[in-house]
Amino acid sequence: GMREMLSTTAAIYGQGRGDSVALITDGRFSGATRGFCIGHV
């Protein structure tokens, strides 16, 4: 089903660390995601 990962990315931003890590997934990221988040791998 190729889930979106907004909860994980939002949690990282909420912790103030959104600019210091990247995420990659063969799933998807929400349109509300921001930061270095690569989906559809």
Full PDB file with SEQRES, HELIX, SHEET, SSBOND, CRYST1, ORIGX, SCALE, CONECT and MASTER records, all heavy atoms in Angstrom:
SEQRES   1 A   41  GLY MET ARG GLU MET LEU SER THR THR ALA ALA ILE TYR          
SEQRES   2 A   41  GLY GLN GLY ARG GLY ASP SER VAL ALA LEU ILE THR ASP          
SEQRES   3 A   41  GLY ARG PHE SER GLY ALA THR ARG GLY PHE CYS ILE GLY          
SEQRES   4 A   41  HIS VAL                                                      
HELIX    1 AA1 LEU A    6  GLY A   14  1                                   9    
SHEET    1 AA1 2 LEU A  23  ILE A  24  0                                        
SHEET    2 AA1 2 CYS A  37  ILE A  38  1                                        
CRYST1    1.000    1.000    1.000  90.00  90.00  90.00 P 1           1          
ORIGX1      1.000000  0.000000  0.000000        0.00000                         
ORIGX2      0.000000  1.000000  0.000000        0.00000                         
ORIGX3      0.000000  0.000000  1.000000        0.00000                         
SCALE1      1.000000  0.000000  0.000000        0.00000                         
SCALE2      0.000000  1.000000  0.000000        0.00000                         
SCALE3      0.000000  0.000000  1.000000        0.00000                         
ATOM      1  N   GLY A   1       0.758  -1.231   0.000  1.00  0.00           N  
ATOM      2  CA  GLY A   1       0.000   0.000   0.000  1.00  0.00           C  
ATOM      3  C   GLY A   1       0.790   1.283   0.000  1.00  0.00           C  
ATOM      4  O   GLY A   1       0.216   2.351  -0.076  1.00  0.00           O  
ATOM      5  N   MET A   2       2.120   1.224   0.128  1.00  0.00           N  
ATOM      6  CA  MET A   2       2.959   2.410  -0.048  1.00  0.00           C  
ATOM      7  C   MET A   2       2.530   3.561   0.872  1.00  0.00           C  
ATOM      8  O   MET A   2       2.097   4.612   0.442  1.00  0.00           O  
ATOM      9  CB  MET A   2       2.935   2.859  -1.511  1.00  0.00           C  
ATOM     10  CG  MET A   2       4.138   3.686  -1.921  1.00  0.00           C  
ATOM     11  SD  MET A   2       4.039   4.157  -3.651  1.00  0.00           S  
ATOM     12  CE  MET A   2       5.593   5.051  -3.820  1.00  0.00           C  
ATOM     13  N   ARG A   3       2.699   3.333   2.168  1.00  0.00           N  
ATOM     14  CA  ARG A   3       2.251   4.326   3.154  1.00  0.00           C  
ATOM     15  C   ARG A   3       2.998   5.651   3.043  1.00  0.00           C  
ATOM     16  O   ARG A   3       4.140   5.706   2.606  1.00  0.00           O  
ATOM     17  CB  ARG A   3       2.483   3.790   4.574  1.00  0.00           C  
ATOM     18  CG  ARG A   3       1.441   2.851   5.048  1.00  0.00           C  
ATOM     19  CD  ARG A   3       1.533   2.638   6.540  1.00  0.00           C  
ATOM     20  NE  ARG A   3       2.647   1.791   6.931  1.00  0.00           N  
ATOM     21  CZ  ARG A   3       2.847   1.375   8.185  1.00  0.00           C  
ATOM     22  NH1 ARG A   3       2.022   1.732   9.142  1.00  0.00           N  
ATOM     23  NH2 ARG A   3       3.867   0.601   8.468  1.00  0.00           N  
ATOM     24  N   GLU A   4       2.324   6.725   3.507  1.00  0.00           N  
ATOM     25  CA  GLU A   4       2.980   8.011   3.719  1.00  0.00           C  
ATOM     26  C   GLU A   4       3.587   8.042   5.122  1.00  0.00           C  
ATOM     27  O   GLU A   4       3.144   7.330   6.013  1.00  0.00           O  
ATOM     28  CB  GLU A   4       1.977   9.159   3.574  1.00  0.00           C  
ATOM     29  CG  GLU A   4       1.514   9.371   2.154  1.00  0.00           C  
ATOM     30  CD  GLU A   4       0.548  10.537   2.020  1.00  0.00           C  
ATOM     31  OE1 GLU A   4       0.100  11.060   3.062  1.00  0.00           O  
ATOM     32  OE2 GLU A   4       0.249  10.922   0.887  1.00  0.00           O  
ATOM     33  N   MET A   5       4.598   8.911   5.288  1.00  0.00           N  
ATOM     34  CA  MET A   5       5.391   8.905   6.519  1.00  0.00           C  
ATOM     35  C   MET A   5       5.358  10.242   7.253  1.00  0.00           C  
ATOM     36  O   MET A   5       6.338  10.651   7.842  1.00  0.00           O  
ATOM     37  CB  MET A   5       6.854   8.564   6.177  1.00  0.00           C  
ATOM     38  CG  MET A   5       7.025   7.343   5.299  1.00  0.00           C  
ATOM     39  SD  MET A   5       6.608   5.827   6.154  1.00  0.00           S  
ATOM     40  CE  MET A   5       6.751   4.648   4.819  1.00  0.00           C  
ATOM     41  N   LEU A   6       4.237  10.942   7.241  1.00  0.00           N  
ATOM     42  CA  LEU A   6       4.198  12.270   7.853  1.00  0.00           C  
ATOM     43  C   LEU A   6       4.443  12.239   9.353  1.00  0.00           C  
ATOM     44  O   LEU A   6       5.084  13.140   9.902  1.00  0.00           O  
ATOM     45  CB  LEU A   6       2.849  12.937   7.567  1.00  0.00           C  
ATOM     46  CG  LEU A   6       2.639  14.321   8.177  1.00  0.00           C  
ATOM     47  CD1 LEU A   6       3.690  15.307   7.694  1.00  0.00           C  
ATOM     48  CD2 LEU A   6       1.244  14.847   7.860  1.00  0.00           C  
ATOM     49  N   SER A   7       3.953  11.228  10.040  1.00  0.00           N  
ATOM     50  CA  SER A   7       4.127  11.196  11.496  1.00  0.00           C  
ATOM     51  C   SER A   7       5.606  11.188  11.873  1.00  0.00           C  
ATOM     52  O   SER A   7       6.028  11.880  12.805  1.00  0.00           O  
ATOM     53  CB  SER A   7       3.423   9.975  12.090  1.00  0.00           C  
ATOM     54  OG  SER A   7       2.022  10.080  11.944  1.00  0.00           O  
ATOM     55  N   THR A   8       6.407  10.409  11.154  1.00  0.00           N  
ATOM     56  CA  THR A   8       7.835  10.324  11.450  1.00  0.00           C  
ATOM     57  C   THR A   8       8.547  11.626  11.110  1.00  0.00           C  
ATOM     58  O   THR A   8       9.323  12.157  11.914  1.00  0.00           O  
ATOM     59  CB  THR A   8       8.465   9.153  10.672  1.00  0.00           C  
ATOM     60  OG1 THR A   8       7.780   7.944  11.022  1.00  0.00           O  
ATOM     61  CG2 THR A   8       9.940   9.012  11.013  1.00  0.00           C  
ATOM     62  N   THR A   9       8.287  12.169   9.930  1.00  0.00           N  
ATOM     63  CA  THR A   9       8.975  13.400   9.538  1.00  0.00           C  
ATOM     64  C   THR A   9       8.539  14.572  10.409  1.00  0.00           C  
ATOM     65  O   THR A   9       9.353  15.409  10.797  1.00  0.00           O  
ATOM     66  CB  THR A   9       8.706  13.740   8.059  1.00  0.00           C  
ATOM     67  OG1 THR A   9       7.307  13.921   7.845  1.00  0.00           O  
ATOM     68  CG2 THR A   9       9.197  12.628   7.148  1.00  0.00           C  
ATOM     69  N   ALA A  10       7.249  14.630  10.736  1.00  0.00           N  
ATOM     70  CA  ALA A  10       6.758  15.720  11.581  1.00  0.00           C  
ATOM     71  C   ALA A  10       7.356  15.628  12.975  1.00  0.00           C  
ATOM     72  O   ALA A  10       7.662  16.658  13.604  1.00  0.00           O  
ATOM     73  CB  ALA A  10       5.233  15.685  11.643  1.00  0.00           C  
ATOM     74  N   ALA A  11       7.530  14.399  13.489  1.00  0.00           N  
ATOM     75  CA  ALA A  11       8.125  14.234  14.811  1.00  0.00           C  
ATOM     76  C   ALA A  11       9.560  14.757  14.829  1.00  0.00           C  
ATOM     77  O   ALA A  11       9.989  15.401  15.802  1.00  0.00           O  
ATOM     78  CB  ALA A  11       8.087  12.764  15.227  1.00  0.00           C  
ATOM     79  N   ILE A  12      10.299  14.504  13.763  1.00  0.00           N  
ATOM     80  CA  ILE A  12      11.678  14.992  13.691  1.00  0.00           C  
ATOM     81  C   ILE A  12      11.704  16.514  13.683  1.00  0.00           C  
ATOM     82  O   ILE A  12      12.506  17.143  14.386  1.00  0.00           O  
ATOM     83  CB  ILE A  12      12.378  14.410  12.441  1.00  0.00           C  
ATOM     84  CG1 ILE A  12      12.601  12.905  12.626  1.00  0.00           C  
ATOM     85  CG2 ILE A  12      13.699  15.121  12.160  1.00  0.00           C  
ATOM     86  CD1 ILE A  12      13.056  12.188  11.374  1.00  0.00           C  
ATOM     87  N   TYR A  13      10.795  17.128  12.896  1.00  0.00           N  
ATOM     88  CA  TYR A  13      10.730  18.594  12.886  1.00  0.00           C  
ATOM     89  C   TYR A  13      10.301  19.133  14.242  1.00  0.00           C  
ATOM     90  O   TYR A  13      10.807  20.154  14.711  1.00  0.00           O  
ATOM     91  CB  TYR A  13       9.783  19.085  11.784  1.00  0.00           C  
ATOM     92  CG  TYR A  13      10.542  19.529  10.562  1.00  0.00           C  
ATOM     93  CD1 TYR A  13      10.861  18.623   9.561  1.00  0.00           C  
ATOM     94  CD2 TYR A  13      10.994  20.833  10.426  1.00  0.00           C  
ATOM     95  CE1 TYR A  13      11.584  19.015   8.441  1.00  0.00           C  
ATOM     96  CE2 TYR A  13      11.722  21.240   9.314  1.00  0.00           C  
ATOM     97  CZ  TYR A  13      12.010  20.328   8.323  1.00  0.00           C  
ATOM     98  OH  TYR A  13      12.737  20.717   7.228  1.00  0.00           O  
ATOM     99  N   GLY A  14       9.371  18.429  14.876  1.00  0.00           N  
ATOM    100  CA  GLY A  14       8.940  18.855  16.194  1.00  0.00           C  
ATOM    101  C   GLY A  14      10.050  18.811  17.222  1.00  0.00           C  
ATOM    102  O   GLY A  14      10.056  19.583  18.187  1.00  0.00           O  
ATOM    103  N   GLN A  15      11.013  17.910  16.999  1.00  0.00           N  
ATOM    104  CA  GLN A  15      12.175  17.817  17.882  1.00  0.00           C  
ATOM    105  C   GLN A  15      13.261  18.822  17.512  1.00  0.00           C  
ATOM    106  O   GLN A  15      14.315  18.867  18.150  1.00  0.00           O  
ATOM    107  CB  GLN A  15      12.749  16.391  17.834  1.00  0.00           C  
ATOM    108  CG  GLN A  15      11.820  15.343  18.432  1.00  0.00           C  
ATOM    109  CD  GLN A  15      12.306  13.919  18.194  1.00  0.00           C  
ATOM    110  OE1 GLN A  15      13.378  13.699  17.615  1.00  0.00           O  
ATOM    111  NE2 GLN A  15      11.517  12.943  18.611  1.00  0.00           N  
ATOM    112  N   GLY A  16      13.009  19.610  16.464  1.00  0.00           N  
ATOM    113  CA  GLY A  16      13.965  20.637  16.063  1.00  0.00           C  
ATOM    114  C   GLY A  16      15.157  20.118  15.290  1.00  0.00           C  
ATOM    115  O   GLY A  16      16.193  20.796  15.211  1.00  0.00           O  
ATOM    116  N   ARG A  17      15.024  18.935  14.677  1.00  0.00           N  
ATOM    117  CA  ARG A  17      16.173  18.324  14.002  1.00  0.00           C  
ATOM    118  C   ARG A  17      15.896  18.047  12.523  1.00  0.00           C  
ATOM    119  O   ARG A  17      16.547  17.219  11.897  1.00  0.00           O  
ATOM    120  CB  ARG A  17      16.564  17.031  14.730  1.00  0.00           C  
ATOM    121  CG  ARG A  17      16.843  17.266  16.204  1.00  0.00           C  
ATOM    122  CD  ARG A  17      17.160  16.011  16.965  1.00  0.00           C  
ATOM    123  NE  ARG A  17      18.499  15.522  16.717  1.00  0.00           N  
ATOM    124  CZ  ARG A  17      19.044  14.464  17.345  1.00  0.00           C  
ATOM    125  NH1 ARG A  17      18.340  13.821  18.260  1.00  0.00           N  
ATOM    126  NH2 ARG A  17      20.261  14.080  17.056  1.00  0.00           N  
ATOM    127  N   GLY A  18      14.931  18.775  11.965  1.00  0.00           N  
ATOM    128  CA  GLY A  18      14.525  18.526  10.587  1.00  0.00           C  
ATOM    129  C   GLY A  18      15.589  18.816   9.556  1.00  0.00           C  
ATOM    130  O   GLY A  18      15.564  18.264   8.459  1.00  0.00           O  
ATOM    131  N   ASP A  19      16.534  19.689   9.887  1.00  0.00           N  
ATOM    132  CA  ASP A  19      17.567  20.058   8.903  1.00  0.00           C  
ATOM    133  C   ASP A  19      18.853  19.250   9.047  1.00  0.00           C  
ATOM    134  O   ASP A  19      19.781  19.438   8.260  1.00  0.00           O  
ATOM    135  CB  ASP A  19      17.902  21.551   9.051  1.00  0.00           C  
ATOM    136  CG  ASP A  19      16.710  22.439   8.707  1.00  0.00           C  
ATOM    137  OD1 ASP A  19      15.940  22.051   7.799  1.00  0.00           O  
ATOM    138  OD2 ASP A  19      16.550  23.491   9.338  1.00  0.00           O  
ATOM    139  N   SER A  20      18.898  18.355  10.036  1.00  0.00           N  
ATOM    140  CA  SER A  20      20.162  17.674  10.299  1.00  0.00           C  
ATOM    141  C   SER A  20      20.158  16.204   9.896  1.00  0.00           C  
ATOM    142  O   SER A  20      21.174  15.526  10.001  1.00  0.00           O  
ATOM    143  CB  SER A  20      20.517  17.783  11.788  1.00  0.00           C  
ATOM    144  OG  SER A  20      19.543  17.145  12.592  1.00  0.00           O  
ATOM    145  N   VAL A  21      18.994  15.696   9.460  1.00  0.00           N  
ATOM    146  CA  VAL A  21      18.922  14.310   9.003  1.00  0.00           C  
ATOM    147  C   VAL A  21      18.161  14.274   7.676  1.00  0.00           C  
ATOM    148  O   VAL A  21      17.470  15.223   7.314  1.00  0.00           O  
ATOM    149  CB  VAL A  21      18.205  13.390  10.021  1.00  0.00           C  
ATOM    150  CG1 VAL A  21      18.963  13.331  11.331  1.00  0.00           C  
ATOM    151  CG2 VAL A  21      16.767  13.817  10.244  1.00  0.00           C  
ATOM    152  N   ALA A  22      18.280  13.162   6.981  1.00  0.00           N  
ATOM    153  CA  ALA A  22      17.504  12.911   5.766  1.00  0.00           C  
ATOM    154  C   ALA A  22      16.741  11.607   5.946  1.00  0.00           C  
ATOM    155  O   ALA A  22      17.095  10.783   6.809  1.00  0.00           O  
ATOM    156  CB  ALA A  22      18.422  12.829   4.546  1.00  0.00           C  
ATOM    157  N   LEU A  23      15.692  11.424   5.163  1.00  0.00           N  
ATOM    158  CA  LEU A  23      14.927  10.179   5.174  1.00  0.00           C  
ATOM    159  C   LEU A  23      14.765   9.699   3.747  1.00  0.00           C  
ATOM    160  O   LEU A  23      14.563  10.503   2.829  1.00  0.00           O  
ATOM    161  CB  LEU A  23      13.540  10.361   5.793  1.00  0.00           C  
ATOM    162  CG  LEU A  23      13.462  10.600   7.300  1.00  0.00           C  
ATOM    163  CD1 LEU A  23      13.531  12.088   7.602  1.00  0.00           C  
ATOM    164  CD2 LEU A  23      12.177  10.018   7.873  1.00  0.00           C  
ATOM    165  N   ILE A  24      14.841   8.385   3.553  1.00  0.00           N  
ATOM    166  CA  ILE A  24      14.504   7.805   2.253  1.00  0.00           C  
ATOM    167  C   ILE A  24      13.593   6.605   2.489  1.00  0.00           C  
ATOM    168  O   ILE A  24      13.709   5.912   3.500  1.00  0.00           O  
ATOM    169  CB  ILE A  24      15.744   7.392   1.432  1.00  0.00           C  
ATOM    170  CG1 ILE A  24      16.474   6.201   2.068  1.00  0.00           C  
ATOM    171  CG2 ILE A  24      16.702   8.547   1.233  1.00  0.00           C  
ATOM    172  CD1 ILE A  24      17.511   5.589   1.156  1.00  0.00           C  
ATOM    173  N   THR A  25      12.686   6.388   1.556  1.00  0.00           N  
ATOM    174  CA  THR A  25      11.751   5.271   1.703  1.00  0.00           C  
ATOM    175  C   THR A  25      11.282   4.784   0.339  1.00  0.00           C  
ATOM    176  O   THR A  25      11.241   5.551  -0.629  1.00  0.00           O  
ATOM    177  CB  THR A  25      10.535   5.674   2.558  1.00  0.00           C  
ATOM    178  OG1 THR A  25       9.677   4.545   2.714  1.00  0.00           O  
ATOM    179  CG2 THR A  25       9.758   6.819   1.919  1.00  0.00           C  
ATOM    180  N   ASP A  26      10.900   3.493   0.290  1.00  0.00           N  
ATOM    181  CA  ASP A  26      10.220   2.997  -0.907  1.00  0.00           C  
ATOM    182  C   ASP A  26       8.713   3.209  -0.778  1.00  0.00           C  
ATOM    183  O   ASP A  26       7.952   2.866  -1.667  1.00  0.00           O  
ATOM    184  CB  ASP A  26      10.562   1.531  -1.195  1.00  0.00           C  
ATOM    185  CG  ASP A  26      10.386   0.612   0.001  1.00  0.00           C  
ATOM    186  OD1 ASP A  26       9.837   1.053   1.041  1.00  0.00           O  
ATOM    187  OD2 ASP A  26      10.797  -0.571  -0.083  1.00  0.00           O  
ATOM    188  N   GLY A  27       8.310   3.800   0.348  1.00  0.00           N  
ATOM    189  CA  GLY A  27       6.944   4.273   0.504  1.00  0.00           C  
ATOM    190  C   GLY A  27       6.832   5.699   0.011  1.00  0.00           C  
ATOM    191  O   GLY A  27       7.565   6.123  -0.886  1.00  0.00           O  
ATOM    192  N   ARG A  28       5.926   6.473   0.649  1.00  0.00           N  
ATOM    193  CA  ARG A  28       5.672   7.832   0.190  1.00  0.00           C  
ATOM    194  C   ARG A  28       5.804   8.800   1.357  1.00  0.00           C  
ATOM    195  O   ARG A  28       5.832   8.399   2.516  1.00  0.00           O  
ATOM    196  CB  ARG A  28       4.241   7.954  -0.366  1.00  0.00           C  
ATOM    197  CG  ARG A  28       3.949   7.050  -1.524  1.00  0.00           C  
ATOM    198  CD  ARG A  28       2.511   7.214  -2.004  1.00  0.00           C  
ATOM    199  NE  ARG A  28       1.560   6.733  -1.008  1.00  0.00           N  
ATOM    200  CZ  ARG A  28       0.535   7.428  -0.531  1.00  0.00           C  
ATOM    201  NH1 ARG A  28       0.335   8.677  -0.951  1.00  0.00           N  
ATOM    202  NH2 ARG A  28      -0.296   6.924   0.343  1.00  0.00           N  
ATOM    203  N   PHE A  29       5.866  10.071   1.026  1.00  0.00           N  
ATOM    204  CA  PHE A  29       5.777  11.118   2.031  1.00  0.00           C  
ATOM    205  C   PHE A  29       4.541  11.957   1.755  1.00  0.00           C  
ATOM    206  O   PHE A  29       4.157  12.175   0.603  1.00  0.00           O  
ATOM    207  CB  PHE A  29       7.027  11.990   2.043  1.00  0.00           C  
ATOM    208  CG  PHE A  29       8.207  11.305   2.657  1.00  0.00           C  
ATOM    209  CD1 PHE A  29       9.298  10.947   1.890  1.00  0.00           C  
ATOM    210  CD2 PHE A  29       8.217  10.986   4.004  1.00  0.00           C  
ATOM    211  CE1 PHE A  29      10.387  10.302   2.449  1.00  0.00           C  
ATOM    212  CE2 PHE A  29       9.295  10.336   4.576  1.00  0.00           C  
ATOM    213  CZ  PHE A  29      10.384   9.990   3.800  1.00  0.00           C  
ATOM    214  N   SER A  30       3.930  12.428   2.814  1.00  0.00           N  
ATOM    215  CA  SER A  30       2.759  13.271   2.689  1.00  0.00           C  
ATOM    216  C   SER A  30       3.099  14.557   1.960  1.00  0.00           C  
ATOM    217  O   SER A  30       4.230  15.047   2.018  1.00  0.00           O  
ATOM    218  CB  SER A  30       2.216  13.603   4.078  1.00  0.00           C  
ATOM    219  OG  SER A  30       1.286  14.661   4.027  1.00  0.00           O  
ATOM    220  N   GLY A  31       2.095  15.145   1.319  1.00  0.00           N  
ATOM    221  CA  GLY A  31       2.278  16.468   0.734  1.00  0.00           C  
ATOM    222  C   GLY A  31       2.605  17.511   1.774  1.00  0.00           C  
ATOM    223  O   GLY A  31       3.119  18.587   1.458  1.00  0.00           O  
ATOM    224  N   ALA A  32       2.302  17.212   3.049  1.00  0.00           N  
ATOM    225  CA  ALA A  32       2.607  18.136   4.144  1.00  0.00           C  
ATOM    226  C   ALA A  32       4.014  17.948   4.698  1.00  0.00           C  
ATOM    227  O   ALA A  32       4.449  18.700   5.566  1.00  0.00           O  
ATOM    228  CB  ALA A  32       1.588  17.959   5.276  1.00  0.00           C  
ATOM    229  N   THR A  33       4.730  16.947   4.187  1.00  0.00           N  
ATOM    230  CA  THR A  33       6.095  16.711   4.649  1.00  0.00           C  
ATOM    231  C   THR A  33       7.024  17.814   4.154  1.00  0.00           C  
ATOM    232  O   THR A  33       6.887  18.320   3.039  1.00  0.00           O  
ATOM    233  CB  THR A  33       6.594  15.347   4.132  1.00  0.00           C  
ATOM    234  OG1 THR A  33       5.850  14.320   4.790  1.00  0.00           O  
ATOM    235  CG2 THR A  33       8.073  15.147   4.410  1.00  0.00           C  
ATOM    236  N   ARG A  34       7.973  18.192   4.977  1.00  0.00           N  
ATOM    237  CA  ARG A  34       9.040  19.090   4.532  1.00  0.00           C  
ATOM    238  C   ARG A  34      10.358  18.531   5.035  1.00  0.00           C  
ATOM    239  O   ARG A  34      10.411  17.673   5.906  1.00  0.00           O  
ATOM    240  CB  ARG A  34       8.809  20.516   5.033  1.00  0.00           C  
ATOM    241  CG  ARG A  34       8.680  20.669   6.538  1.00  0.00           C  
ATOM    242  CD  ARG A  34       8.168  22.041   6.902  1.00  0.00           C  
ATOM    243  NE  ARG A  34       7.986  22.201   8.337  1.00  0.00           N  
ATOM    244  CZ  ARG A  34       8.598  23.108   9.077  1.00  0.00           C  
ATOM    245  NH1 ARG A  34       9.461  23.935   8.522  1.00  0.00           N  
ATOM    246  NH2 ARG A  34       8.351  23.204  10.369  1.00  0.00           N  
ATOM    247  N   GLY A  35      11.457  19.041   4.459  1.00  0.00           N  
ATOM    248  CA  GLY A  35      12.777  18.526   4.801  1.00  0.00           C  
ATOM    249  C   GLY A  35      13.286  17.590   3.721  1.00  0.00           C  
ATOM    250  O   GLY A  35      12.637  17.360   2.700  1.00  0.00           O  
ATOM    251  N   PHE A  36      14.472  17.029   3.958  1.00  0.00           N  
ATOM    252  CA  PHE A  36      15.121  16.166   2.963  1.00  0.00           C  
ATOM    253  C   PHE A  36      14.524  14.765   3.073  1.00  0.00           C  
ATOM    254  O   PHE A  36      15.080  13.872   3.713  1.00  0.00           O  
ATOM    255  CB  PHE A  36      16.626  16.140   3.189  1.00  0.00           C  
ATOM    256  CG  PHE A  36      17.402  16.313   1.903  1.00  0.00           C  
ATOM    257  CD1 PHE A  36      18.614  16.984   1.892  1.00  0.00           C  
ATOM    258  CD2 PHE A  36      16.915  15.826   0.708  1.00  0.00           C  
ATOM    259  CE1 PHE A  36      19.326  17.152   0.713  1.00  0.00           C  
ATOM    260  CE2 PHE A  36      17.621  15.992  -0.476  1.00  0.00           C  
ATOM    261  CZ  PHE A  36      18.817  16.668  -0.465  1.00  0.00           C  
ATOM    262  N   CYS A  37      13.375  14.581   2.448  1.00  0.00           N  
ATOM    263  CA  CYS A  37      12.625  13.334   2.544  1.00  0.00           C  
ATOM    264  C   CYS A  37      12.381  12.790   1.143  1.00  0.00           C  
ATOM    265  O   CYS A  37      11.631  13.389   0.366  1.00  0.00           O  
ATOM    266  CB  CYS A  37      11.302  13.564   3.271  1.00  0.00           C  
ATOM    267  SG  CYS A  37      11.512  14.199   4.948  1.00  0.00           S  
ATOM    268  N   ILE A  38      13.004  11.664   0.830  1.00  0.00           N  
ATOM    269  CA  ILE A  38      12.962  11.098  -0.514  1.00  0.00           C  
ATOM    270  C   ILE A  38      12.040   9.890  -0.509  1.00  0.00           C  
ATOM    271  O   ILE A  38      12.232   8.954   0.275  1.00  0.00           O  
ATOM    272  CB  ILE A  38      14.370  10.683  -0.996  1.00  0.00           C  
ATOM    273  CG1 ILE A  38      15.243  11.919  -1.180  1.00  0.00           C  
ATOM    274  CG2 ILE A  38      14.311   9.896  -2.294  1.00  0.00           C  
ATOM    275  CD1 ILE A  38      16.098  12.261  -0.001  1.00  0.00           C  
ATOM    276  N   GLY A  39      11.035   9.898  -1.371  1.00  0.00           N  
ATOM    277  CA  GLY A  39      10.100   8.791  -1.466  1.00  0.00           C  
ATOM    278  C   GLY A  39      10.123   8.137  -2.826  1.00  0.00           C  
ATOM    279  O   GLY A  39      10.841   8.543  -3.736  1.00  0.00           O  
ATOM    280  N   HIS A  40       9.306   7.061  -2.967  1.00  0.00           N  
ATOM    281  CA  HIS A  40       9.103   6.344  -4.232  1.00  0.00           C  
ATOM    282  C   HIS A  40      10.380   5.662  -4.702  1.00  0.00           C  
ATOM    283  O   HIS A  40      10.549   5.414  -5.901  1.00  0.00           O  
ATOM    284  CB  HIS A  40       8.615   7.283  -5.348  1.00  0.00           C  
ATOM    285  CG  HIS A  40       7.396   8.087  -5.018  1.00  0.00           C  
ATOM    286  ND1 HIS A  40       6.660   8.735  -5.979  1.00  0.00           N  
ATOM    287  CD2 HIS A  40       6.782   8.364  -3.849  1.00  0.00           C  
ATOM    288  CE1 HIS A  40       5.646   9.368  -5.413  1.00  0.00           C  
ATOM    289  NE2 HIS A  40       5.709   9.155  -4.112  1.00  0.00           N  
ATOM    290  N   VAL A  41      11.314   5.352  -3.789  1.00  0.00           N  
ATOM    291  CA  VAL A  41      12.579   4.732  -4.203  1.00  0.00           C  
ATOM    292  C   VAL A  41      12.290   3.372  -4.842  1.00  0.00           C  
ATOM    293  O   VAL A  41      11.626   2.512  -4.255  1.00  0.00           O  
ATOM    294  CB  VAL A  41      13.525   4.574  -2.991  1.00  0.00           C  
ATOM    295  CG1 VAL A  41      14.772   3.789  -3.393  1.00  0.00           C  
ATOM    296  CG2 VAL A  41      13.905   5.944  -2.435  1.00  0.00           C  
TER     297      VAL A  41                                                      
MASTER        0    0    0    1    2    0    0    6  296    1    0    4          
END                                                                             
